[in-house]
Amino acid sequence: MGEMQIRPLAAHCGAEVTGVDVRSIDDDGLAAIRQALADTGVVLLRDQQLSPEDHIAFARRWGDIDVNNYFPANGGYPEIAEVRKAETQFVNIGGGWHTDHSYDPVPAMGSILVARELPPVGGDTLFSNLGAAYDSLSDGLKATLATLRAVHSADHIYGPDGVYSKTDQAADLKGHDIRANAVHPAVINHPVSGRKILYVNPAFTLHFEGWTREESQPLLQYLYSVAMREEFQCRLQWQPGSVAVWDNRSTWHLAMNDYHGHRRLMHRITISGVALN
C-alpha cells in the first residue's frame, strides 16, 4: 500500500494514518500508530478492508477485549458491539460528549470502531483532547483539582429509568439491571505518555467525592465548557473502509446525529485498560 504516513487532524487532537493495511502491519508500524494515539488521542485509519475476524485480530494486538454490557452484540461475534441507528430511529447512541466506560473501576483503554454502513452525508464523530484542556487551566485550579476525586456511574444512563429507557433505542439496549459505579482522580496521569489528563465527563461523572452534586455542578460545568472548546477538538469524517482507534483516558467523543431517515451501523471493540492514578 505504499509508505505509511501519519499526519495531524487538528492542532491538539487526532492523527490520520494512510498507506498501511492493518491486517498485515508489522510490530514497528503498530508501534508508530500506538505512539500517535498516545500523542493525539485518536487515530483514523483510511481504506481498510476488515472482516469481523480481522477486526477482532487487530484489536487483540492492542490488548484484552472488554465485552460491552449494554450495546447489542453483533450476531456471531460477542466481542463486537453494534453502534447502530435505523432509518426510523431519532435518537442515536453517544450523542452527547462522553468517554466510554469511565464508570468502571478499571476503565477501558479505548475502542476500535469500524464503519460498516454510513449515511450519504453526516454522522461524523467529534473528539476533544482532555490533556490539552487540562494544560489550559490556571495553576490555582490545577492545584485544587489535584486534591479531588470524582464519582462516575452509568446507572442514570442505561438503568431501568435511565436516559435511554425513554427513547427509541430502549428496545436495542441491554444490561438494565447492572449497577456500574467508580471513583477516579479528577486529574489522572496517562498510563502511556505520563501526561496529566482532566478525567471528568458530562455523561457519567456525578459529583466530586465528599461534595454534593449541587456543590460539584458549577466546577464540573466550567471544566466541561473548557473541554468543549473547538480549539481542542478534531472531527472524524467517516468513509467506507474507515477505522478509528481512540484513547478513552485522554479524549471525549460525540457522535453527530444529523442523518435522520438514514441507517448508520458501526462495529465497536473495546480494549481493556489499567487502573488509573
Protein backbone atom coordinates (compact mmCIF):
# COMPACT_ATOMS: atom_id res chain seq x y z
CA MET A 1 0.00 0.00 0.00
CA GLY A 2 2.99 2.29 -0.21
CA GLU A 3 4.63 4.01 2.72
CA MET A 4 2.78 4.66 5.97
CA GLN A 5 2.16 8.34 6.58
CA ILE A 6 0.83 9.94 9.77
CA ARG A 7 -0.47 13.49 9.69
CA PRO A 8 -2.30 15.56 12.33
CA LEU A 9 -6.06 16.03 12.00
CA ALA A 10 -6.07 19.19 14.13
CA ALA A 11 -3.72 21.23 16.33
CA HIS A 12 -4.37 19.34 19.58
CA CYS A 13 -6.29 16.23 18.64
CA GLY A 14 -6.22 13.35 16.20
CA ALA A 15 -3.97 11.82 13.55
CA GLU A 16 -4.79 10.29 10.18
CA VAL A 17 -2.82 7.27 9.00
CA THR A 18 -2.61 6.30 5.34
CA GLY A 19 -0.58 3.81 3.33
CA VAL A 20 -0.99 0.84 5.65
CA ASP A 21 -3.09 -2.33 5.77
CA VAL A 22 -3.67 -3.18 9.42
CA ARG A 23 -4.28 -6.84 8.53
CA SER A 24 -0.57 -7.19 7.74
CA ILE A 25 1.03 -4.35 9.70
CA ASP A 26 4.32 -5.27 11.38
CA ASP A 27 5.25 -4.53 15.00
CA ASP A 28 7.16 -1.35 14.09
CA GLY A 29 4.18 0.02 12.19
CA LEU A 30 1.87 -0.78 15.06
CA ALA A 31 4.28 0.90 17.49
CA ALA A 32 4.14 4.08 15.38
CA ILE A 33 0.34 4.03 15.50
CA ARG A 34 0.41 3.45 19.27
CA GLN A 35 2.70 6.47 19.64
CA ALA A 36 0.39 8.62 17.51
CA LEU A 37 -2.51 7.50 19.70
CA ALA A 38 -0.64 8.42 22.90
CA ASP A 39 0.28 11.81 21.42
CA THR A 40 -3.06 12.81 19.88
CA GLY A 41 -5.82 10.71 21.49
CA VAL A 42 -7.40 9.31 18.32
CA VAL A 43 -6.06 7.73 15.13
CA LEU A 44 -8.08 7.45 11.92
CA LEU A 45 -7.07 4.68 9.52
CA ARG A 46 -8.34 5.02 5.96
CA ASP A 47 -9.08 2.43 3.26
CA GLN A 48 -9.12 -0.70 5.42
CA GLN A 49 -10.96 -3.87 4.39
CA LEU A 50 -11.58 -5.63 7.69
CA SER A 51 -13.81 -8.66 8.10
CA PRO A 52 -15.18 -9.16 11.64
CA GLU A 53 -12.40 -11.72 12.18
CA ASP A 54 -9.79 -9.15 11.04
CA HIS A 55 -11.30 -6.55 13.36
CA ILE A 56 -11.01 -8.92 16.33
CA ALA A 57 -7.47 -9.97 15.41
CA PHE A 58 -6.35 -6.31 15.13
CA ALA A 59 -7.99 -5.50 18.47
CA ARG A 60 -6.20 -8.37 20.21
CA ARG A 61 -2.85 -6.82 19.22
CA TRP A 62 -3.78 -3.84 21.40
CA GLY A 63 -4.85 -5.81 24.49
CA ASP A 64 -7.63 -7.82 26.03
CA ILE A 65 -11.18 -7.19 24.81
CA ASP A 66 -13.91 -5.78 27.06
CA VAL A 67 -17.36 -7.06 26.11
CA ASN A 68 -19.84 -4.19 26.43
CA ASN A 69 -22.69 -4.83 28.85
CA TYR A 70 -25.21 -2.51 27.22
CA PHE A 71 -24.90 -2.45 23.44
CA PRO A 72 -26.41 -5.15 21.24
CA ALA A 73 -23.79 -7.73 20.27
CA ASN A 74 -23.11 -8.48 16.65
CA GLY A 75 -24.78 -11.85 15.98
CA GLY A 76 -21.84 -14.18 15.53
CA TYR A 77 -19.15 -12.18 17.36
CA PRO A 78 -19.73 -11.39 21.05
CA GLU A 79 -16.53 -9.27 21.10
CA ILE A 80 -18.11 -6.80 18.65
CA ALA A 81 -20.74 -4.35 19.88
CA GLU A 82 -23.06 -2.75 17.35
CA VAL A 83 -23.49 1.02 17.47
CA ARG A 84 -26.48 1.42 15.24
CA LYS A 85 -29.27 3.77 14.32
CA ALA A 86 -32.06 2.67 11.99
CA GLU A 87 -33.72 4.84 9.35
CA THR A 88 -36.78 5.08 11.62
CA GLN A 89 -34.97 5.99 14.86
CA PHE A 90 -34.46 9.55 16.03
CA VAL A 91 -32.10 9.07 18.99
CA ASN A 92 -28.52 7.94 18.41
CA ILE A 93 -26.01 6.35 20.77
CA GLY A 94 -23.30 8.66 22.09
CA GLY A 95 -24.99 11.87 21.00
CA GLY A 96 -23.54 13.84 23.93
CA TRP A 97 -19.93 14.42 24.96
CA HIS A 98 -18.59 11.45 26.92
CA THR A 99 -15.78 8.96 27.32
CA ASP A 100 -16.62 5.27 27.36
CA HIS A 101 -16.50 3.13 30.49
CA SER A 102 -15.38 5.82 32.99
CA TYR A 103 -17.99 4.20 35.28
CA ASP A 104 -15.84 1.03 35.52
CA PRO A 105 -13.30 0.68 38.36
CA VAL A 106 -10.69 -0.16 35.69
CA PRO A 107 -11.84 1.87 32.67
CA ALA A 108 -11.30 0.62 29.14
CA MET A 109 -8.16 1.78 27.35
CA GLY A 110 -10.09 2.69 24.25
CA SER A 111 -12.05 1.39 21.31
CA ILE A 112 -11.58 0.35 17.70
CA LEU A 113 -14.56 1.39 15.59
CA VAL A 114 -15.12 0.11 12.06
CA ALA A 115 -17.57 1.84 9.70
CA ARG A 116 -19.99 -0.74 8.27
CA GLU A 117 -22.98 1.26 6.92
CA LEU A 118 -22.86 5.02 6.56
CA PRO A 119 -25.44 7.67 5.69
CA PRO A 120 -24.83 9.60 2.44
CA VAL A 121 -23.80 12.66 4.47
CA GLY A 122 -23.43 13.39 8.18
CA GLY A 123 -22.70 11.02 11.05
CA ASP A 124 -19.25 12.47 11.83
CA THR A 125 -17.68 11.89 15.24
CA LEU A 126 -16.10 14.77 17.18
CA PHE A 127 -13.24 14.20 19.62
CA SER A 128 -11.73 16.52 22.22
CA ASN A 129 -8.30 16.20 23.82
CA LEU A 130 -8.53 16.38 27.62
CA GLY A 131 -4.77 16.71 28.04
CA ALA A 132 -4.81 19.95 26.07
CA ALA A 133 -7.88 21.07 28.05
CA TYR A 134 -6.06 20.44 31.34
CA ASP A 135 -2.95 22.29 30.16
CA SER A 136 -5.04 25.41 29.54
CA LEU A 137 -6.23 25.66 33.16
CA SER A 138 -4.72 28.06 35.71
CA ASP A 139 -2.15 26.83 38.21
CA GLY A 140 -4.60 27.56 41.03
CA LEU A 141 -7.34 25.41 39.52
CA LYS A 142 -4.83 22.65 38.73
CA ALA A 143 -3.78 22.65 42.41
CA THR A 144 -7.41 22.34 43.52
CA LEU A 145 -8.17 19.54 41.06
CA ALA A 146 -5.11 17.59 42.26
CA THR A 147 -6.91 17.10 45.60
CA LEU A 148 -10.23 15.89 44.10
CA ARG A 149 -11.69 12.56 43.11
CA ALA A 150 -14.87 12.20 41.09
CA VAL A 151 -17.72 9.68 41.27
CA HIS A 152 -18.80 8.12 37.94
CA SER A 153 -21.86 5.99 37.19
CA ALA A 154 -23.76 4.52 34.24
CA ASP A 155 -26.99 3.81 36.11
CA HIS A 156 -28.69 7.11 35.20
CA ILE A 157 -27.91 6.46 31.51
CA TYR A 158 -28.52 2.74 30.98
CA GLY A 159 -30.60 1.81 34.06
CA PRO A 160 -34.30 0.89 34.04
CA ASP A 161 -35.25 4.58 34.46
CA GLY A 162 -32.19 5.92 32.66
CA VAL A 163 -31.91 8.36 29.78
CA TYR A 164 -32.15 5.72 27.04
CA SER A 165 -35.12 3.92 28.64
CA LYS A 166 -37.37 6.72 27.41
CA THR A 167 -36.11 6.70 23.81
CA ASP A 168 -36.45 4.64 20.65
CA GLN A 169 -33.09 3.00 21.46
CA ALA A 170 -34.52 1.33 24.59
CA ALA A 171 -35.50 -1.96 22.94
CA ASP A 172 -31.99 -2.45 21.47
CA LEU A 173 -30.04 -1.91 24.68
CA LYS A 174 -29.47 -4.45 27.43
CA GLY A 175 -27.91 -4.61 30.91
CA HIS A 176 -30.66 -2.60 32.63
CA ASP A 177 -30.07 -4.38 35.94
CA ILE A 178 -26.30 -3.85 36.05
CA ARG A 179 -25.02 -1.28 38.53
CA ALA A 180 -21.83 0.48 37.44
CA ASN A 181 -20.10 2.97 39.72
CA ALA A 182 -16.48 4.01 40.22
CA VAL A 183 -14.33 6.74 41.75
CA HIS A 184 -11.31 8.16 39.91
CA PRO A 185 -8.96 11.12 40.39
CA ALA A 186 -10.26 14.28 38.71
CA VAL A 187 -6.84 14.52 37.06
CA ILE A 188 -5.09 11.32 36.03
CA ASN A 189 -1.58 10.57 34.81
CA HIS A 190 -1.87 8.99 31.38
CA PRO A 191 -0.63 5.38 31.64
CA VAL A 192 1.45 5.62 28.44
CA SER A 193 2.52 9.25 27.98
CA GLY A 194 2.53 10.31 31.64
CA ARG A 195 0.69 13.48 30.63
CA LYS A 196 -1.82 14.94 33.10
CA ILE A 197 -5.37 14.49 31.82
CA LEU A 198 -8.63 16.04 33.03
CA TYR A 199 -10.76 12.97 33.78
CA VAL A 200 -14.39 14.02 34.20
CA ASN A 201 -17.14 13.91 31.57
CA PRO A 202 -20.74 15.16 31.23
CA ALA A 203 -22.33 11.75 30.67
CA PHE A 204 -21.02 9.66 33.55
CA THR A 205 -19.49 11.99 36.21
CA LEU A 206 -21.99 12.65 39.01
CA HIS A 207 -20.09 14.71 41.59
CA PHE A 208 -16.77 15.10 43.40
CA GLU A 209 -16.14 12.65 46.21
CA GLY A 210 -17.20 14.22 49.51
CA TRP A 211 -19.06 17.02 47.71
CA THR A 212 -22.79 17.18 46.99
CA ARG A 213 -23.98 17.17 43.40
CA GLU A 214 -25.17 20.75 43.86
CA GLU A 215 -21.73 21.85 45.09
CA SER A 216 -19.98 19.95 42.32
CA GLN A 217 -22.01 21.19 39.35
CA PRO A 218 -20.58 24.73 38.97
CA LEU A 219 -16.98 23.47 38.81
CA LEU A 220 -17.86 20.47 36.65
CA GLN A 221 -19.80 22.65 34.21
CA TYR A 222 -16.86 25.04 33.95
CA LEU A 223 -14.47 22.16 33.25
CA TYR A 224 -16.85 20.78 30.63
CA SER A 225 -17.03 24.16 28.93
CA VAL A 226 -13.23 24.23 28.66
CA ALA A 227 -13.06 20.71 27.24
CA MET A 228 -15.76 21.58 24.68
CA ARG A 229 -13.73 24.43 23.18
CA GLU A 230 -13.30 23.98 19.47
CA GLU A 231 -9.54 24.53 19.64
CA PHE A 232 -9.12 21.19 21.47
CA GLN A 233 -11.30 19.22 19.02
CA CYS A 234 -10.99 17.28 15.81
CA ARG A 235 -13.70 15.88 13.54
CA LEU A 236 -13.64 12.40 12.02
CA GLN A 237 -15.45 12.19 8.70
CA TRP A 238 -16.27 8.56 8.10
CA GLN A 239 -15.88 6.90 4.72
CA PRO A 240 -16.23 3.26 3.68
CA GLY A 241 -13.13 1.50 4.99
CA SER A 242 -12.58 3.98 7.85
CA VAL A 243 -11.33 2.57 11.17
CA ALA A 244 -10.79 4.72 14.27
CA VAL A 245 -8.78 3.85 17.35
CA TRP A 246 -9.26 6.19 20.28
CA ASP A 247 -7.91 6.50 23.80
CA ASN A 248 -10.67 6.77 26.39
CA ARG A 249 -8.33 8.14 29.04
CA SER A 250 -7.33 11.26 27.11
CA THR A 251 -10.33 12.08 24.90
CA TRP A 252 -14.07 12.64 24.88
CA HIS A 253 -16.17 11.98 21.81
CA LEU A 254 -19.59 12.90 20.46
CA ALA A 255 -21.48 11.19 17.65
CA MET A 256 -23.27 13.70 15.42
CA ASN A 257 -26.97 12.93 14.94
CA ASP A 258 -27.56 14.73 11.64
CA TYR A 259 -28.67 11.99 9.25
CA HIS A 260 -32.34 11.30 10.06
CA GLY A 261 -34.00 8.88 7.69
CA HIS A 262 -30.76 7.01 7.02
CA ARG A 263 -29.17 3.97 8.63
CA ARG A 264 -25.76 4.03 10.30
CA LEU A 265 -24.02 0.92 11.60
CA MET A 266 -20.62 0.81 13.26
CA HIS A 267 -18.81 -2.16 14.79
CA ARG A 268 -17.01 -1.39 18.04
CA ILE A 269 -14.49 -3.43 20.00
CA THR A 270 -13.43 -2.06 23.36
CA ILE A 271 -9.91 -2.70 24.67
CA SER A 272 -9.28 -3.34 28.37
CA GLY A 273 -7.33 -0.74 30.30
CA VAL A 274 -5.40 -0.39 33.55
CA ALA A 275 -6.24 1.21 36.90
CA LEU A 276 -5.89 5.00 36.79
CA ASN A 277 -3.96 7.19 39.19
